[in-house]
Amino acid sequence: MKTNKALNILFTSTYFYPYLSGLSEYPLQIARNWSDKHKISVLTFQHQKNLVLFENYKKIDIHRVPVHLKISKGLWNFFYPVIAFFYAKKANKIFINHYKRIKTSYFEEIFSRYICAVIFPFFQHVYN
């Protein structure tokens, strides 16, 4: 990412720090590498009830939404689409961390900005 201007970058992921898995570890490392030059925010779920809804971890703002429903490892918050919309509107770049391929062009139309979908477990492949 070549720019002199600090960007507001949003990562979205079902699971994030302190959850330990490839799904959460790769975005964490990317966010840590960029946090010295850019403002990094993460929108994720409160996968454990003892986790605070907001924390700053190594210059990364982690915003957690409460879980309304859990099915296997799937977490649901019925207001998540609205919450994500407001966070996305503030971001210059958006990274969606997901385990299946999703079509980002619809989101790019809505938010008028580039969106990168990072697909687990094949992080070397980026789809548009």
Protein backbone atom coordinates (compact mmCIF):
# COMPACT_ATOMS: atom_id res chain seq x y z
CA MET A 1 0.00 0.00 0.00
CA LYS A 2 1.90 3.06 -1.24
CA THR A 3 0.56 6.27 0.18
CA ASN A 4 1.79 9.10 2.37
CA LYS A 5 -1.67 9.73 3.75
CA ALA A 6 -2.80 7.68 6.73
CA LEU A 7 -5.80 5.56 5.83
CA ASN A 8 -8.72 4.46 7.94
CA ILE A 9 -8.73 0.69 7.36
CA LEU A 10 -11.53 -1.59 8.56
CA PHE A 11 -11.14 -5.34 9.03
CA THR A 12 -14.27 -7.42 9.50
CA SER A 13 -14.02 -10.94 10.85
CA THR A 14 -16.29 -13.29 12.77
CA TYR A 15 -13.40 -14.20 15.07
CA PHE A 16 -10.43 -12.03 16.01
CA TYR A 17 -7.89 -11.64 18.81
CA PRO A 18 -7.74 -13.26 21.37
CA TYR A 19 -9.28 -16.17 19.45
CA LEU A 20 -6.45 -18.41 18.23
CA SER A 21 -6.76 -19.76 14.71
CA GLY A 22 -5.56 -18.99 11.21
CA LEU A 23 -8.83 -17.14 10.63
CA SER A 24 -7.91 -14.62 13.32
CA GLU A 25 -4.09 -14.74 13.24
CA TYR A 26 -3.48 -13.67 9.63
CA PRO A 27 -5.63 -10.52 9.78
CA LEU A 28 -4.07 -9.67 13.16
CA GLN A 29 -0.57 -9.80 11.66
CA ILE A 30 -1.60 -7.67 8.68
CA ALA A 31 -3.29 -5.15 10.98
CA ARG A 32 -0.23 -4.97 13.26
CA ASN A 33 2.06 -4.35 10.30
CA TRP A 34 -0.09 -1.47 9.07
CA SER A 35 -0.97 0.05 12.46
CA ASP A 36 2.17 2.22 12.60
CA LYS A 37 1.13 4.17 9.49
CA HIS A 38 -2.66 3.81 9.38
CA LYS A 39 -5.68 3.84 11.70
CA ILE A 40 -6.82 0.23 11.99
CA SER A 41 -10.27 -0.80 13.22
CA VAL A 42 -11.64 -4.31 13.52
CA LEU A 43 -15.31 -5.19 13.68
CA THR A 44 -15.80 -8.64 15.15
CA PHE A 45 -18.01 -10.64 17.50
CA GLN A 46 -17.76 -10.97 21.26
CA HIS A 47 -17.13 -14.71 20.99
CA GLN A 48 -16.63 -14.99 24.77
CA LYS A 49 -18.84 -13.17 27.25
CA ASN A 50 -15.83 -12.02 29.32
CA LEU A 51 -14.40 -9.99 26.38
CA VAL A 52 -14.92 -6.24 26.49
CA LEU A 53 -16.88 -4.66 23.64
CA PHE A 54 -14.02 -2.25 22.84
CA GLU A 55 -10.29 -2.47 23.34
CA ASN A 56 -7.16 -1.05 21.79
CA TYR A 57 -4.62 -3.81 21.25
CA LYS A 58 -1.22 -2.74 19.87
CA LYS A 59 -2.69 0.34 18.11
CA ILE A 60 -5.63 -1.68 16.71
CA ASP A 61 -9.14 -0.61 17.74
CA ILE A 62 -11.17 -3.78 18.24
CA HIS A 63 -14.95 -3.31 18.30
CA ARG A 64 -16.92 -6.38 19.35
CA VAL A 65 -20.64 -6.85 18.87
CA PRO A 66 -22.55 -9.10 21.28
CA VAL A 67 -23.65 -12.50 20.02
CA HIS A 68 -27.43 -13.00 19.80
CA LEU A 69 -27.31 -16.52 18.37
CA LYS A 70 -24.61 -19.15 18.01
CA ILE A 71 -24.93 -22.14 15.69
CA SER A 72 -21.83 -24.32 15.77
CA LYS A 73 -19.07 -21.76 15.09
CA GLY A 74 -21.44 -19.37 13.34
CA LEU A 75 -22.12 -16.20 15.32
CA TRP A 76 -25.10 -13.91 14.71
CA ASN A 77 -26.03 -10.43 15.80
CA PHE A 78 -29.29 -9.31 14.25
CA PHE A 79 -28.08 -5.69 14.02
CA TYR A 80 -24.67 -6.57 12.55
CA PRO A 81 -25.50 -5.43 8.97
CA VAL A 82 -26.49 -1.97 10.26
CA ILE A 83 -23.46 -1.72 12.56
CA ALA A 84 -21.12 -2.88 9.79
CA PHE A 85 -22.63 -0.33 7.40
CA PHE A 86 -21.78 2.58 9.72
CA TYR A 87 -18.22 1.37 10.32
CA ALA A 88 -17.71 0.77 6.59
CA LYS A 89 -18.86 4.29 5.68
CA LYS A 90 -16.00 5.72 7.80
CA ALA A 91 -13.29 3.50 6.27
CA ASN A 92 -11.07 4.23 3.25
CA LYS A 93 -10.32 0.52 2.76
CA ILE A 94 -12.28 -2.52 3.91
CA PHE A 95 -10.97 -6.05 4.37
CA ILE A 96 -13.54 -8.80 4.78
CA ASN A 97 -12.08 -11.90 6.40
CA HIS A 98 -14.29 -14.81 5.42
CA TYR A 99 -14.05 -18.57 5.02
CA LYS A 100 -15.98 -18.69 1.73
CA ARG A 101 -15.67 -16.73 -1.46
CA ILE A 102 -17.94 -13.70 -1.51
CA LYS A 103 -18.62 -11.22 -4.25
CA THR A 104 -17.29 -7.83 -3.09
CA SER A 105 -18.36 -5.80 -6.10
CA TYR A 106 -21.81 -5.25 -4.57
CA PHE A 107 -20.22 -3.75 -1.47
CA GLU A 108 -17.89 -1.65 -3.62
CA GLU A 109 -20.94 -0.16 -5.35
CA ILE A 110 -22.60 0.68 -2.04
CA PHE A 111 -19.54 2.18 -0.35
CA SER A 112 -17.78 3.60 -3.44
CA ARG A 113 -14.41 2.21 -2.38
CA TYR A 114 -12.20 -0.83 -2.88
CA ILE A 115 -13.01 -3.84 -0.76
CA CYS A 116 -10.68 -6.80 -0.36
CA ALA A 117 -12.05 -10.18 0.66
CA VAL A 118 -9.44 -12.29 2.41
CA ILE A 119 -10.53 -15.89 2.09
CA PHE A 120 -9.60 -18.42 4.76
CA PRO A 121 -7.63 -20.67 4.50
CA PHE A 122 -6.21 -19.48 1.19
CA PHE A 123 -4.98 -16.02 2.16
CA GLN A 124 -2.74 -15.81 -0.90
CA HIS A 125 -5.89 -15.60 -3.09
CA VAL A 126 -7.77 -12.33 -3.17
CA TYR A 127 -11.09 -12.24 -4.97
CA ASN A 128 -13.05 -9.32 -6.36
